[in-house]
Each structure stands twice: as structure tokens, then as C-alpha cells.
Amino acid sequence: PGMMGAPPPGMMGAPPPGMFPPGMRPPPHHHPMMAPPPGHMMRQQQQHGRHRGEEIPEWADGTSVNAGAMDIPGMPGVRAAAPPMVPMPPGFAPPPNQPRQPRGDRPREQRPRGRPHYNGKLMPNDEIETILRIQWSATHPHDRPAYEHDYFYQSWLRRNNPSKLKEPFCPETLRELASHEKEARGPVTFVPGLAGLGKVPFGNIRSPKPLLDVSSGSAPAAGGEELEEGTQRRLEQEPLLAARIMIEDSMCLLLDVDDIDRQLEEDRPSETEEELKRRRTFLLDGLVSTLRLPSVPVLAVGGAEHDGVFQRIVTLPKGRTLLAKALPRFPLGSAAAATLVWAVLRNVGMLIGGKNAESNPSAEALLRSAAESVQLMNAVAVEGALGAVATGMSAAEAKQLLAPLTSRGSASMTLVSVIAAALERAHMLEISPLTHKAFGAAFGIVSEIFDRHASMAAARGGDHVLPRDLLRALMHHCTDGQKQRLRGHISALG
């Protein structure tokens, strides 16, 4: 007391504990009067705090490398201004042992490795974790298999990373009746409590309600008599709506077929293997029977048999995609698959002719599936397939809907692959135009159309090419004169 200058020598350090005058608080640990702890102790404290993922809070009375400001020594609660940042000259780099100044006012939290720590703008990590737990418990019930409540993610794992599947990718049981059939067969329910407005039925996706009755049954006729009731066609009987309903029903059948295949693949059948295969065949045959396809490959002109229902289905891209997915699921030698392939080849002009010749991915996928099915057919089905494609090409050629077989378009190349597959399969089964009259007639139509397209391409020039697969397949069944003409086309078009 009373000394205004610096302390005498020997008293430069801090006084021992208990030697501070009354009313005077001991200085903080970081005060210049206090000797700092050894360097190794400071490093241990910093490493220990960094390992626990802790940071020095803003209200703490202590120094920190990451802190921007601190309390004035001896005056807790009074913040000192942060030291000004001195700009470094260009090209200056700090020493390797000197820590760099962090960007921003808030230090970055050091956490151990493991689960990431998310902090939102308005929500802390604990609230985010709580919401994730609520969402997980609502979307992942424990009393149902993951194949039912998490099908899409399980399917993605099945294709990309099967080792992470915790459960077999198959259903435990097969459904006996589709949900849409139960809905259609159930009684119609009406909205209760509406007096004076008539009966208002609940909505049904399979039988939508008409918004306005514009039928002529309620209007008097010219002679003063009313038209008989029931002349108006119901809304669900409209062709396009009926086609969409049929497509959805057929897709549900394909899902049932996939369930059976997965049970057999995972070796967890709910029934015997023979019963499952019989059920699978019944479902696929039922899908084809709903199309009401003729049982013959070539239809008579003006006959009673037609492809009206099939044409309604393939008018929609969803219908073409459905049939393209259904064809690979038929077993080897299936009569229903042959009937469906014949219908596809009979309507090639509708699928890839006219405006559809430029770009029609769903129709091309359907023709590729038909070509793969042709490669597995028996002799009778292959002969019918060539007859069906010859009929379809002839009808499309008459209507000027068929694109040249020598063009580089994807639609023409897909049709060429179907013809080549039928001819190669016929050659493998030893079917010749000389021994099979129906096959010979169909082969004559196909070779004539190809000869005409090749001659037109040679006369016009341009970007045309002779498909090698089709040339090779034609050579198996051509006569000497037809082979000579093919050689002439090859020399003309290079």
C-alpha cells in the first residue's frame, strides 16, 4: 500500500493465496500477474475439451483462441472490445504453428466422429431429432413387413445394394382379391343428413359421377312423346375411361404375378410351388382374355373377329407400357403370349406408322418385347407371327403409314428386328417356304415390301441403309432369283 510504481524486484509474481488485502478480489487465472500453466498442461486441456465436443460459452470469464471478445480482468460481466484485425501484407503467410483466425463471430463446434449434428436456422438439433423420431415411428410400423410399408426403398435396395436388405424382399401372403374389385363390388353409400337434395353418393374412382345430365331422355320428342329411359351410355362405359380402368386392373394383376415370382425366388412360398405356378398362369391368361383377342394370327377382311379392345388399349402410352412389361412374364410356349404377339404385329401400322414413326418409345419397347417373345416360340406360333407381321405391313403400306425399312429411324429398325427374329427362328425350326404354304405366302409379302423399299432408296439416294440382320435372315429362305436381287440392292446402296 502506498506504492505507486512497479513492485520491487522479487515480487513480480502473484502473491501466495490468502495474502491479498481485504476487499480485493484475486485476479483471474489469465491475468498477467498470474503465471500461466505449463505448455503441456494447456495442450491437454485444449485436447480434452475438443474431444468432448465442448466449447467455451460466451458468458465464460476466460480467454479462448476462437473467442472474439472477453471480460475485462477483475471486472466480470464487462465485455472488452475485441482486438482489431491487422491486415496482412500481400504474400504474407502465418507461421505453421500459429492458429489461423476463424471466420465469423461464432466458433465452429468440434464434435467427435459419428452421427452428424444438424442445427437449423430456427430449430436446434434436439427438436430436429424429435421430429425425425415421430416421422420414423409413423412410417415404419413394427407389426407389418417392410415389403408393405417401405416397398419403394426396399425395391431400390434390391436392385442396387441387396446386402443391406434386413428382410426378404417378398410378401408374406398373397392377396386373394384386389382392392379395386372389392370397391367395385361393395354397396354404394350415400352422404347422410341431406334432406331435400336427393341422394348424394360418395366418390368412387371406378365410377365417377357425371357433372351434368345432358341426355335426351328427359326432353320430349318431336311428336310429344318422351324417349325411353336407359338410352344414355354410362360414364364408366365410355371407351377411353373403360380402357384406363382396364389398364389399372391389368397392372394390379402384374403386381400379383411379381409377388408370386418373389416368393419363389426367396424360397418362401405361401402355398406349394405347383399351386403358385398354376395361379401365376391363370393371372396372365386372364390379362390376355380381357383384351378379347382373336385366336388366329390373320384376320379375314370383314369378319366378325377384330382387335377393337386391343386398339383402345394401345392408343394410350400407359397401355403400350403395360403390354411391353407383360410379355416377358409369360412362360415358354404360352399360347396367350403368342396371341398377344400376333395382335401386336397385326397393328404395326397403328403403333409405329404415320406420326408415330418419328419418336414413340412405348411402341418401340412393345415391339422389342414382341421380338424377344418370337425367339422362344414354337413352329406354329412362329409361322403365325410372320403371317401377322406381313398382314400388318401390307395394311400399313396400303394406307401409306409404313416407314421405309431402309431408313435409320428407331421405329423402322425396331420393326426390322421383329421380322429378322421371326425369320431366324423359322430357320432354326427348319420352316421353309417350300414346305409350309402359309409361311411361304407371308414370306413373299415381306420380301416384296422390302424389295420395293430398297429400290426406292437406291433411286432417291439419301441417308438409307440396308439392315444386315434382315438381309442375313432373308437369305435363309430366298430363292436364287431373290438372292440375286438382294445382291443388286447391296451393290447399289453400298
Protein backbone atom coordinates (compact mmCIF):
# COMPACT_ATOMS: atom_id res chain seq x y z
CA PRO A 1 0.00 0.00 0.00
CA GLY A 2 1.19 3.40 -0.92
CA MET A 3 3.46 2.17 -3.70
CA MET A 4 2.52 3.86 -6.95
CA GLY A 5 5.26 2.44 -9.08
CA ALA A 6 6.22 -1.03 -10.08
CA PRO A 7 6.77 -3.64 -7.36
CA PRO A 8 10.33 -4.13 -6.18
CA PRO A 9 12.38 -6.96 -7.53
CA GLY A 10 11.47 -10.34 -6.16
CA MET A 11 7.77 -9.51 -6.06
CA MET A 12 6.99 -9.70 -9.79
CA GLY A 13 4.84 -12.83 -9.44
CA ALA A 14 1.46 -13.20 -7.87
CA PRO A 15 1.26 -13.23 -4.03
CA PRO A 16 0.56 -16.54 -2.34
CA PRO A 17 -3.05 -17.49 -1.56
CA GLY A 18 -4.55 -15.63 1.36
CA MET A 19 -2.15 -12.69 1.04
CA PHE A 20 -4.49 -10.32 -0.84
CA PRO A 21 -5.57 -7.20 1.04
CA PRO A 22 -9.11 -7.08 2.41
CA GLY A 23 -11.72 -6.07 -0.21
CA MET A 24 -9.55 -7.00 -3.15
CA ARG A 25 -10.53 -9.98 -5.31
CA PRO A 26 -7.88 -12.33 -6.59
CA PRO A 27 -7.08 -11.68 -10.23
CA PRO A 28 -8.36 -14.17 -12.86
CA HIS A 29 -6.19 -17.02 -13.93
CA HIS A 30 -5.43 -15.34 -17.20
CA HIS A 31 -4.33 -12.10 -15.53
CA PRO A 32 -0.79 -11.09 -16.39
CA MET A 33 0.12 -11.25 -12.71
CA MET A 34 -0.66 -14.98 -12.63
CA ALA A 35 1.93 -17.33 -14.03
CA PRO A 36 0.46 -19.29 -16.92
CA PRO A 37 0.32 -23.06 -16.61
CA PRO A 38 2.93 -25.11 -18.39
CA GLY A 39 2.55 -25.56 -22.13
CA HIS A 40 1.86 -29.29 -21.97
CA MET A 41 -0.99 -28.72 -19.45
CA MET A 42 -2.61 -26.18 -21.76
CA ARG A 43 -2.41 -28.57 -24.70
CA GLN A 44 -4.00 -31.36 -22.62
CA GLN A 45 -6.85 -29.07 -21.55
CA GLN A 46 -7.47 -27.95 -25.13
CA GLN A 47 -7.38 -31.52 -26.45
CA HIS A 48 -9.68 -32.75 -23.66
CA GLY A 49 -12.26 -30.07 -24.35
CA ARG A 50 -12.04 -30.62 -28.11
CA HIS A 51 -12.56 -34.38 -27.64
CA ARG A 52 -15.76 -33.84 -25.65
CA GLY A 53 -17.13 -31.54 -28.33
CA GLU A 54 -17.39 -28.65 -25.82
CA GLU A 55 -16.76 -25.02 -26.49
CA ILE A 56 -16.18 -22.13 -24.11
CA PRO A 57 -19.54 -20.36 -23.75
CA GLU A 58 -19.84 -16.69 -24.45
CA TRP A 59 -20.58 -15.85 -20.83
CA ALA A 60 -17.45 -17.61 -19.50
CA ASP A 61 -14.75 -15.45 -17.93
CA GLY A 62 -11.76 -16.77 -19.79
CA THR A 63 -9.73 -16.46 -22.90
CA SER A 64 -10.15 -18.57 -25.97
CA VAL A 65 -8.42 -18.69 -29.24
CA ASN A 66 -11.77 -18.79 -31.02
CA ALA A 67 -13.42 -16.10 -28.94
CA GLY A 68 -13.72 -12.64 -30.39
CA ALA A 69 -14.11 -10.73 -27.07
CA MET A 70 -13.66 -11.36 -23.32
CA ASP A 71 -14.34 -9.78 -19.92
CA ILE A 72 -12.09 -7.06 -18.56
CA PRO A 73 -9.73 -8.61 -15.96
CA GLY A 74 -11.11 -8.10 -12.45
CA MET A 75 -14.46 -6.82 -13.78
CA PRO A 76 -16.67 -9.84 -14.61
CA GLY A 77 -19.62 -9.06 -16.86
CA VAL A 78 -17.96 -6.09 -18.52
CA ARG A 79 -17.01 -7.03 -22.06
CA ALA A 80 -13.79 -5.77 -23.56
CA ALA A 81 -13.58 -4.77 -27.17
CA ALA A 82 -12.08 -7.32 -29.49
CA PRO A 83 -8.58 -6.54 -30.69
CA PRO A 84 -8.58 -5.03 -34.16
CA MET A 85 -7.66 -7.25 -37.06
CA VAL A 86 -4.41 -6.03 -38.58
CA PRO A 87 -4.42 -6.53 -42.37
CA MET A 88 -1.60 -8.70 -43.58
CA PRO A 89 0.62 -7.52 -46.41
CA PRO A 90 0.27 -9.28 -49.78
CA GLY A 91 2.13 -12.57 -49.98
CA PHE A 92 2.40 -12.95 -46.18
CA ALA A 93 1.61 -16.37 -44.75
CA PRO A 94 1.32 -17.07 -40.99
CA PRO A 95 3.81 -19.45 -39.39
CA PRO A 96 2.78 -23.10 -39.42
CA ASN A 97 2.41 -23.31 -35.61
CA GLN A 98 0.29 -20.14 -35.33
CA PRO A 99 -3.50 -20.87 -35.41
CA ARG A 100 -5.46 -19.02 -38.03
CA GLN A 101 -8.23 -16.66 -37.08
CA PRO A 102 -11.66 -18.25 -37.75
CA ARG A 103 -14.20 -16.56 -39.94
CA GLY A 104 -17.38 -15.34 -38.34
CA ASP A 105 -18.25 -14.38 -34.76
CA ARG A 106 -19.44 -17.83 -33.61
CA PRO A 107 -16.83 -20.58 -33.26
CA ARG A 108 -17.33 -23.86 -35.06
CA GLU A 109 -18.39 -26.66 -32.76
CA GLN A 110 -15.91 -29.52 -32.51
CA ARG A 111 -17.73 -32.89 -32.33
CA PRO A 112 -16.40 -36.44 -32.44
CA ARG A 113 -16.97 -38.59 -35.46
CA GLY A 114 -20.31 -40.36 -35.81
CA ARG A 115 -23.84 -39.15 -36.40
CA PRO A 116 -23.98 -35.66 -37.95
CA HIS A 117 -25.16 -32.79 -35.80
CA TYR A 118 -27.73 -30.61 -37.54
CA ASN A 119 -28.62 -27.11 -36.39
CA GLY A 120 -31.34 -25.31 -38.29
CA LYS A 121 -31.92 -21.62 -38.52
CA LEU A 122 -34.89 -21.70 -36.12
CA MET A 123 -34.66 -25.21 -34.61
CA PRO A 124 -31.92 -26.81 -32.54
CA ASN A 125 -30.68 -30.32 -33.02
CA ASP A 126 -32.88 -31.84 -30.28
CA GLU A 127 -36.11 -30.66 -31.91
CA ILE A 128 -34.99 -31.94 -35.31
CA GLU A 129 -34.22 -35.35 -33.78
CA THR A 130 -37.65 -35.45 -32.13
CA ILE A 131 -39.43 -34.74 -35.42
CA LEU A 132 -37.38 -37.42 -37.17
CA ARG A 133 -38.35 -39.96 -34.49
CA ILE A 134 -42.04 -39.08 -34.87
CA GLN A 135 -41.84 -39.43 -38.64
CA TRP A 136 -39.96 -42.72 -38.43
CA SER A 137 -42.45 -44.26 -35.97
CA ALA A 138 -45.40 -43.18 -38.13
CA THR A 139 -43.98 -44.56 -41.39
CA HIS A 140 -42.26 -47.72 -40.08
CA PRO A 141 -44.75 -49.83 -38.14
CA HIS A 142 -43.35 -52.86 -36.36
CA ASP A 143 -46.36 -55.12 -36.96
CA ARG A 144 -46.05 -55.07 -40.76
CA PRO A 145 -43.18 -56.21 -43.01
CA ALA A 146 -41.04 -53.66 -44.78
CA TYR A 147 -42.20 -55.07 -48.13
CA GLU A 148 -45.59 -53.45 -47.50
CA HIS A 149 -44.91 -50.13 -45.77
CA ASP A 150 -41.48 -49.36 -47.32
CA TYR A 151 -41.77 -51.04 -50.73
CA PHE A 152 -40.01 -48.46 -52.90
CA TYR A 153 -36.89 -48.21 -50.74
CA GLN A 154 -36.73 -51.99 -50.39
CA SER A 155 -37.03 -52.32 -54.17
CA TRP A 156 -34.20 -49.81 -54.63
CA LEU A 157 -32.02 -51.78 -52.23
CA ARG A 158 -32.87 -54.97 -54.08
CA ARG A 159 -31.58 -53.54 -57.33
CA ASN A 160 -28.59 -51.54 -56.08
CA ASN A 161 -27.40 -52.93 -52.72
CA PRO A 162 -29.01 -56.28 -51.82
CA SER A 163 -26.62 -56.83 -48.90
CA LYS A 164 -28.39 -54.13 -46.87
CA LEU A 165 -31.79 -55.81 -47.01
CA LYS A 166 -32.79 -56.81 -43.48
CA GLU A 167 -35.90 -58.74 -44.58
CA PRO A 168 -36.64 -60.94 -47.59
CA PHE A 169 -37.97 -58.91 -50.48
CA CYS A 170 -41.25 -60.79 -50.86
CA PRO A 171 -44.75 -60.65 -49.36
CA GLU A 172 -45.73 -62.96 -46.54
CA THR A 173 -49.13 -63.75 -48.07
CA LEU A 174 -50.78 -63.22 -51.43
CA ARG A 175 -53.92 -61.14 -51.69
CA GLU A 176 -56.98 -63.05 -52.73
CA LEU A 177 -58.93 -60.15 -54.21
CA ALA A 178 -57.63 -56.82 -55.43
CA SER A 179 -58.75 -53.72 -53.54
CA HIS A 180 -60.31 -52.13 -56.62
CA GLU A 181 -62.52 -55.20 -57.15
CA LYS A 182 -63.72 -55.05 -53.54
CA GLU A 183 -64.52 -51.37 -54.01
CA ALA A 184 -66.43 -52.04 -57.22
CA ARG A 185 -68.47 -54.90 -55.73
CA GLY A 186 -69.25 -53.13 -52.47
CA PRO A 187 -72.58 -51.37 -51.85
CA VAL A 188 -72.94 -47.75 -52.82
CA THR A 189 -73.01 -45.47 -49.78
CA PHE A 190 -74.59 -42.04 -49.69
CA VAL A 191 -73.91 -38.87 -47.72
CA PRO A 192 -76.25 -38.87 -44.68
CA GLY A 193 -78.16 -35.89 -43.31
CA LEU A 194 -79.00 -34.16 -46.61
CA ALA A 195 -82.74 -33.54 -46.78
CA GLY A 196 -84.39 -32.18 -49.88
CA LEU A 197 -81.33 -32.59 -52.11
CA GLY A 198 -81.81 -36.21 -53.08
CA LYS A 199 -79.18 -38.87 -52.58
CA VAL A 200 -75.56 -37.80 -52.93
CA PRO A 201 -73.23 -40.82 -53.27
CA PHE A 202 -69.66 -40.84 -52.08
CA GLY A 203 -66.97 -40.58 -54.74
CA ASN A 204 -65.72 -43.74 -56.41
CA ILE A 205 -62.71 -43.66 -58.70
CA ARG A 206 -64.06 -46.53 -60.78
CA SER A 207 -67.48 -44.97 -61.35
CA PRO A 208 -67.17 -41.17 -61.39
CA LYS A 209 -70.34 -39.14 -61.20
CA PRO A 210 -71.48 -37.11 -64.25
CA LEU A 211 -71.46 -33.40 -63.53
CA LEU A 212 -74.42 -32.64 -65.79
CA ASP A 213 -77.15 -34.81 -67.30
CA VAL A 214 -77.31 -33.85 -70.98
CA SER A 215 -79.16 -36.93 -72.20
CA SER A 216 -82.13 -36.59 -74.50
CA GLY A 217 -84.23 -38.99 -72.42
CA SER A 218 -85.70 -36.20 -70.28
CA ALA A 219 -86.52 -33.96 -73.25
CA PRO A 220 -89.79 -34.54 -75.17
CA ALA A 221 -89.51 -35.78 -78.71
CA ALA A 222 -90.92 -34.04 -81.78
CA GLY A 223 -94.20 -35.95 -81.53
CA GLY A 224 -94.73 -35.03 -77.90
CA GLU A 225 -93.56 -38.40 -76.57
CA GLU A 226 -90.62 -38.84 -74.27
CA LEU A 227 -87.75 -41.10 -75.27
CA GLU A 228 -87.41 -44.29 -73.33
CA GLU A 229 -85.03 -44.30 -70.40
CA GLY A 230 -81.69 -46.07 -70.48
CA THR A 231 -80.60 -44.82 -73.90
CA GLN A 232 -77.65 -42.89 -72.42
CA ARG A 233 -74.39 -44.73 -72.02
CA ARG A 234 -72.97 -44.73 -68.51
CA LEU A 235 -69.80 -42.78 -67.89
CA GLU A 236 -67.73 -45.84 -66.93
CA GLN A 237 -68.72 -47.41 -70.24
CA GLU A 238 -67.03 -44.71 -72.30
CA PRO A 239 -64.27 -46.31 -74.40
CA LEU A 240 -61.30 -44.29 -73.14
CA LEU A 241 -62.35 -44.42 -69.49
CA ALA A 242 -63.03 -48.14 -69.77
CA ALA A 243 -59.58 -48.58 -71.32
CA ARG A 244 -57.92 -46.73 -68.43
CA ILE A 245 -59.79 -48.82 -65.87
CA MET A 246 -58.76 -51.98 -67.69
CA ILE A 247 -55.12 -50.86 -67.74
CA GLU A 248 -55.15 -50.25 -63.99
CA ASP A 249 -56.71 -53.67 -63.36
CA SER A 250 -54.09 -55.33 -65.56
CA MET A 251 -51.27 -53.56 -63.73
CA CYS A 252 -52.64 -54.91 -60.44
CA LEU A 253 -52.54 -58.39 -61.97
CA LEU A 254 -48.88 -57.88 -62.93
CA LEU A 255 -48.14 -56.87 -59.32
CA ASP A 256 -49.67 -60.13 -58.15
CA VAL A 257 -47.50 -62.01 -60.64
CA ASP A 258 -44.42 -60.22 -59.29
CA ASP A 259 -45.37 -61.21 -55.74
CA ILE A 260 -45.52 -64.86 -56.76
CA ASP A 261 -42.16 -64.65 -58.53
CA ARG A 262 -40.53 -63.07 -55.48
CA GLN A 263 -41.90 -65.71 -53.16
CA LEU A 264 -40.46 -68.41 -55.38
CA GLU A 265 -37.16 -66.58 -55.70
CA GLU A 266 -36.77 -66.08 -51.95
CA ASP A 267 -37.88 -69.68 -51.33
CA ARG A 268 -40.70 -68.55 -49.04
CA PRO A 269 -43.87 -69.68 -50.82
CA SER A 270 -47.18 -69.22 -49.05
CA GLU A 271 -48.50 -72.23 -51.00
CA THR A 272 -46.95 -75.15 -52.79
CA GLU A 273 -44.82 -74.43 -55.82
CA GLU A 274 -47.24 -76.11 -58.21
CA GLU A 275 -50.17 -74.09 -56.89
CA LEU A 276 -48.23 -70.84 -57.23
CA LYS A 277 -47.26 -71.61 -60.82
CA ARG A 278 -50.83 -72.53 -61.66
CA ARG A 279 -52.05 -69.32 -60.10
CA ARG A 280 -49.46 -67.29 -61.99
CA THR A 281 -50.51 -68.80 -65.32
CA PHE A 282 -54.17 -68.14 -64.51
CA LEU A 283 -53.46 -64.45 -63.82
CA LEU A 284 -51.54 -63.94 -67.09
CA ASP A 285 -54.13 -65.77 -69.15
CA GLY A 286 -56.83 -63.65 -67.54
CA LEU A 287 -54.98 -60.49 -68.55
CA VAL A 288 -54.95 -61.56 -72.20
CA SER A 289 -58.58 -62.70 -72.09
CA THR A 290 -59.71 -59.20 -71.07
CA LEU A 291 -58.34 -57.89 -74.39
CA ARG A 292 -60.74 -60.18 -76.31
CA LEU A 293 -58.13 -61.06 -78.91
CA PRO A 294 -58.84 -63.40 -81.82
CA SER A 295 -57.21 -66.81 -81.64
CA VAL A 296 -55.91 -66.70 -85.23
CA PRO A 297 -52.90 -64.71 -86.50
CA VAL A 298 -54.51 -63.44 -89.71
CA LEU A 299 -57.98 -61.93 -89.65
CA ALA A 300 -60.41 -62.22 -92.53
CA VAL A 301 -61.47 -58.98 -94.17
CA GLY A 302 -64.95 -58.04 -92.97
CA GLY A 303 -65.04 -60.87 -90.44
CA ALA A 304 -66.59 -60.84 -87.00
CA GLU A 305 -63.25 -61.00 -85.18
CA HIS A 306 -61.41 -57.74 -84.64
CA ASP A 307 -58.85 -56.02 -82.39
CA GLY A 308 -61.10 -53.24 -81.15
CA VAL A 309 -60.34 -53.60 -77.44
CA PHE A 310 -56.63 -54.06 -78.11
CA GLN A 311 -56.52 -50.93 -80.24
CA ARG A 312 -58.20 -48.94 -77.49
CA ILE A 313 -55.54 -50.09 -75.06
CA VAL A 314 -52.52 -49.37 -77.26
CA THR A 315 -53.87 -45.92 -78.09
CA LEU A 316 -52.66 -44.84 -74.64
CA PRO A 317 -48.93 -44.85 -73.82
CA LYS A 318 -49.72 -46.44 -70.47
CA GLY A 319 -51.38 -49.34 -72.25
CA ARG A 320 -48.39 -49.92 -74.52
CA THR A 321 -46.09 -49.88 -71.49
CA LEU A 322 -48.34 -52.40 -69.75
CA LEU A 323 -48.20 -54.89 -72.62
CA ALA A 324 -44.44 -54.42 -73.01
CA LYS A 325 -44.00 -55.37 -69.35
CA ALA A 326 -46.46 -58.26 -69.54
CA LEU A 327 -44.87 -60.13 -72.48
CA PRO A 328 -41.60 -61.12 -70.73
CA ARG A 329 -43.57 -62.63 -67.83
CA PHE A 330 -45.29 -65.32 -69.90
CA PRO A 331 -43.83 -68.83 -69.64
CA LEU A 332 -42.11 -70.56 -72.53
CA GLY A 333 -44.51 -71.78 -75.20
CA SER A 334 -47.52 -69.91 -73.82
CA ALA A 335 -50.48 -69.74 -76.19
CA ALA A 336 -51.67 -66.49 -74.60
CA ALA A 337 -48.30 -64.87 -75.30
CA ALA A 338 -48.48 -65.96 -78.96
CA THR A 339 -51.97 -64.48 -79.26
CA LEU A 340 -50.78 -61.19 -77.82
CA VAL A 341 -47.72 -61.06 -80.11
CA TRP A 342 -49.92 -61.70 -83.14
CA ALA A 343 -52.13 -58.76 -82.16
CA VAL A 344 -49.08 -56.50 -81.78
CA LEU A 345 -47.72 -57.45 -85.22
CA ARG A 346 -51.10 -57.08 -86.90
CA ASN A 347 -51.24 -53.44 -85.76
CA VAL A 348 -47.70 -52.30 -86.58
CA GLY A 349 -49.11 -49.52 -88.75
CA MET A 350 -51.00 -48.13 -85.78
CA LEU A 351 -48.05 -48.44 -83.42
CA ILE A 352 -45.17 -47.03 -85.49
CA GLY A 353 -46.88 -45.75 -88.61
CA GLY A 354 -47.68 -42.21 -89.66
CA LYS A 355 -46.98 -39.61 -86.98
CA ASN A 356 -45.75 -42.32 -84.60
CA ALA A 357 -42.80 -43.18 -86.86
CA GLU A 358 -40.64 -40.32 -85.55
CA SER A 359 -40.43 -40.99 -81.82
CA ASN A 360 -42.62 -43.41 -79.90
CA PRO A 361 -40.62 -45.04 -77.09
CA SER A 362 -43.50 -47.04 -75.63
CA ALA A 363 -44.43 -48.56 -79.02
CA GLU A 364 -40.79 -49.42 -79.72
CA ALA A 365 -40.50 -51.06 -76.31
CA LEU A 366 -43.60 -53.13 -77.10
CA LEU A 367 -42.13 -54.29 -80.42
CA ARG A 368 -38.83 -55.18 -78.76
CA SER A 369 -40.69 -57.31 -76.23
CA ALA A 370 -42.54 -58.97 -79.10
CA ALA A 371 -39.23 -59.74 -80.85
CA GLU A 372 -37.88 -61.37 -77.69
CA SER A 373 -41.03 -63.47 -77.39
CA VAL A 374 -40.78 -64.57 -81.03
CA GLN A 375 -37.33 -66.03 -80.37
CA LEU A 376 -38.89 -68.50 -77.89
CA MET A 377 -41.94 -69.57 -79.92
CA ASN A 378 -42.71 -72.98 -81.39
CA ALA A 379 -43.17 -73.69 -85.08
CA VAL A 380 -46.91 -72.93 -85.24
CA ALA A 381 -46.57 -69.65 -83.35
CA VAL A 382 -43.60 -68.50 -85.48
CA GLU A 383 -45.48 -69.22 -88.67
CA GLY A 384 -48.42 -67.22 -87.36
CA ALA A 385 -46.12 -64.38 -86.28
CA LEU A 386 -44.71 -63.95 -89.79
CA GLY A 387 -48.23 -64.06 -91.21
CA ALA A 388 -49.39 -61.40 -88.72
CA VAL A 389 -46.50 -59.04 -89.45
CA ALA A 390 -46.99 -59.49 -93.21
CA THR A 391 -50.67 -58.60 -92.81
CA GLY A 392 -49.88 -55.57 -90.68
CA MET A 393 -47.21 -54.30 -93.06
CA SER A 394 -49.48 -54.77 -96.08
CA ALA A 395 -52.33 -52.84 -94.43
CA ALA A 396 -50.00 -50.04 -93.34
CA GLU A 397 -48.41 -49.90 -96.81
CA ALA A 398 -51.85 -49.50 -98.39
CA LYS A 399 -52.60 -46.55 -96.11
CA GLN A 400 -49.10 -45.08 -96.62
CA LEU A 401 -48.36 -45.35 -92.92
CA LEU A 402 -45.34 -47.64 -93.09
CA ALA A 403 -41.92 -46.01 -92.95
CA PRO A 404 -39.27 -47.46 -95.31
CA LEU A 405 -37.42 -50.46 -93.90
CA THR A 406 -34.18 -48.90 -95.15
CA SER A 407 -34.46 -45.74 -93.05
CA ARG A 408 -32.33 -45.10 -89.99
CA GLY A 409 -35.28 -44.26 -87.77
CA SER A 410 -35.62 -46.11 -84.48
CA ALA A 411 -39.17 -47.24 -85.30
CA SER A 412 -38.13 -48.82 -88.61
CA MET A 413 -35.14 -50.51 -87.01
CA THR A 414 -37.38 -51.97 -84.31
CA LEU A 415 -39.75 -53.40 -86.91
CA VAL A 416 -36.78 -54.83 -88.81
CA SER A 417 -35.61 -56.59 -85.64
CA VAL A 418 -39.02 -58.25 -85.24
CA ILE A 419 -39.03 -59.52 -88.85
CA ALA A 420 -35.45 -60.75 -88.56
CA ALA A 421 -36.24 -62.55 -85.28
CA ALA A 422 -39.21 -64.37 -86.88
CA LEU A 423 -37.17 -65.44 -89.93
CA GLU A 424 -34.22 -66.60 -87.83
CA ARG A 425 -36.49 -68.58 -85.52
CA ALA A 426 -38.17 -70.17 -88.53
CA HIS A 427 -34.79 -71.14 -89.97
CA MET A 428 -33.79 -72.67 -86.64
CA LEU A 429 -37.01 -74.72 -86.56
CA GLU A 430 -36.48 -75.76 -90.23
CA ILE A 431 -39.55 -73.96 -91.54
CA SER A 432 -39.23 -73.35 -95.27
CA PRO A 433 -41.47 -71.52 -97.75
CA LEU A 434 -41.47 -74.68 -99.88
CA THR A 435 -42.86 -76.94 -97.15
CA HIS A 436 -45.18 -74.51 -95.35
CA LYS A 437 -47.59 -72.73 -97.64
CA ALA A 438 -48.79 -70.15 -95.11
CA PHE A 439 -45.22 -69.29 -94.24
CA GLY A 440 -44.32 -69.08 -97.93
CA ALA A 441 -47.18 -66.65 -98.64
CA ALA A 442 -46.21 -64.42 -95.72
CA PHE A 443 -42.55 -64.52 -96.70
CA GLY A 444 -43.47 -63.47 -100.24
CA ILE A 445 -45.29 -60.37 -98.93
CA VAL A 446 -42.42 -59.38 -96.64
CA SER A 447 -39.73 -59.86 -99.32
CA GLU A 448 -41.79 -57.90 -101.85
CA ILE A 449 -42.21 -54.94 -99.50
CA PHE A 450 -38.50 -54.96 -98.67
CA ASP A 451 -37.57 -55.17 -102.35
CA ARG A 452 -39.76 -52.18 -103.12
CA HIS A 453 -38.31 -50.10 -100.29
CA ALA A 454 -34.74 -50.95 -101.31
CA SER A 455 -35.42 -50.00 -104.94
CA MET A 456 -36.92 -46.66 -103.89
CA ALA A 457 -33.96 -45.97 -101.61
CA ALA A 458 -31.48 -46.69 -104.42
CA ALA A 459 -33.38 -44.38 -106.79
CA ARG A 460 -33.76 -41.49 -104.35
CA GLY A 461 -30.45 -41.77 -102.56
CA GLY A 462 -30.07 -40.02 -99.26
CA ASP A 463 -29.47 -41.44 -95.81
CA HIS A 464 -30.64 -45.04 -96.27
CA VAL A 465 -29.06 -48.28 -95.19
CA LEU A 466 -29.73 -51.97 -95.73
CA PRO A 467 -30.21 -53.71 -92.35
CA ARG A 468 -27.69 -56.54 -92.11
CA ASP A 469 -29.76 -58.64 -89.71
CA LEU A 470 -32.71 -58.63 -92.09
CA LEU A 471 -30.52 -59.40 -95.12
CA ARG A 472 -28.98 -62.38 -93.33
CA ALA A 473 -32.41 -63.67 -92.26
CA LEU A 474 -33.86 -63.24 -95.77
CA MET A 475 -31.00 -65.19 -97.33
CA HIS A 476 -32.03 -68.33 -95.43
CA HIS A 477 -35.38 -68.54 -97.24
CA CYS A 478 -34.80 -66.79 -100.60
CA THR A 479 -34.74 -68.48 -103.97
CA ASP A 480 -31.88 -67.96 -106.41
CA GLY A 481 -33.69 -65.11 -108.16
CA GLN A 482 -34.47 -63.36 -104.87
CA LYS A 483 -30.86 -63.71 -103.73
CA GLN A 484 -29.68 -62.12 -106.97
CA ARG A 485 -31.97 -59.13 -106.40
CA LEU A 486 -30.67 -58.73 -102.85
CA ARG A 487 -27.10 -58.69 -104.16
CA GLY A 488 -28.12 -55.96 -106.61
CA HIS A 489 -29.56 -53.84 -103.74
CA ILE A 490 -26.38 -54.34 -101.75
CA SER A 491 -24.20 -53.17 -104.62
CA ALA A 492 -26.49 -50.19 -105.31
CA LEU A 493 -26.65 -48.96 -101.70
CA GLY A 494 -23.14 -50.00 -100.75
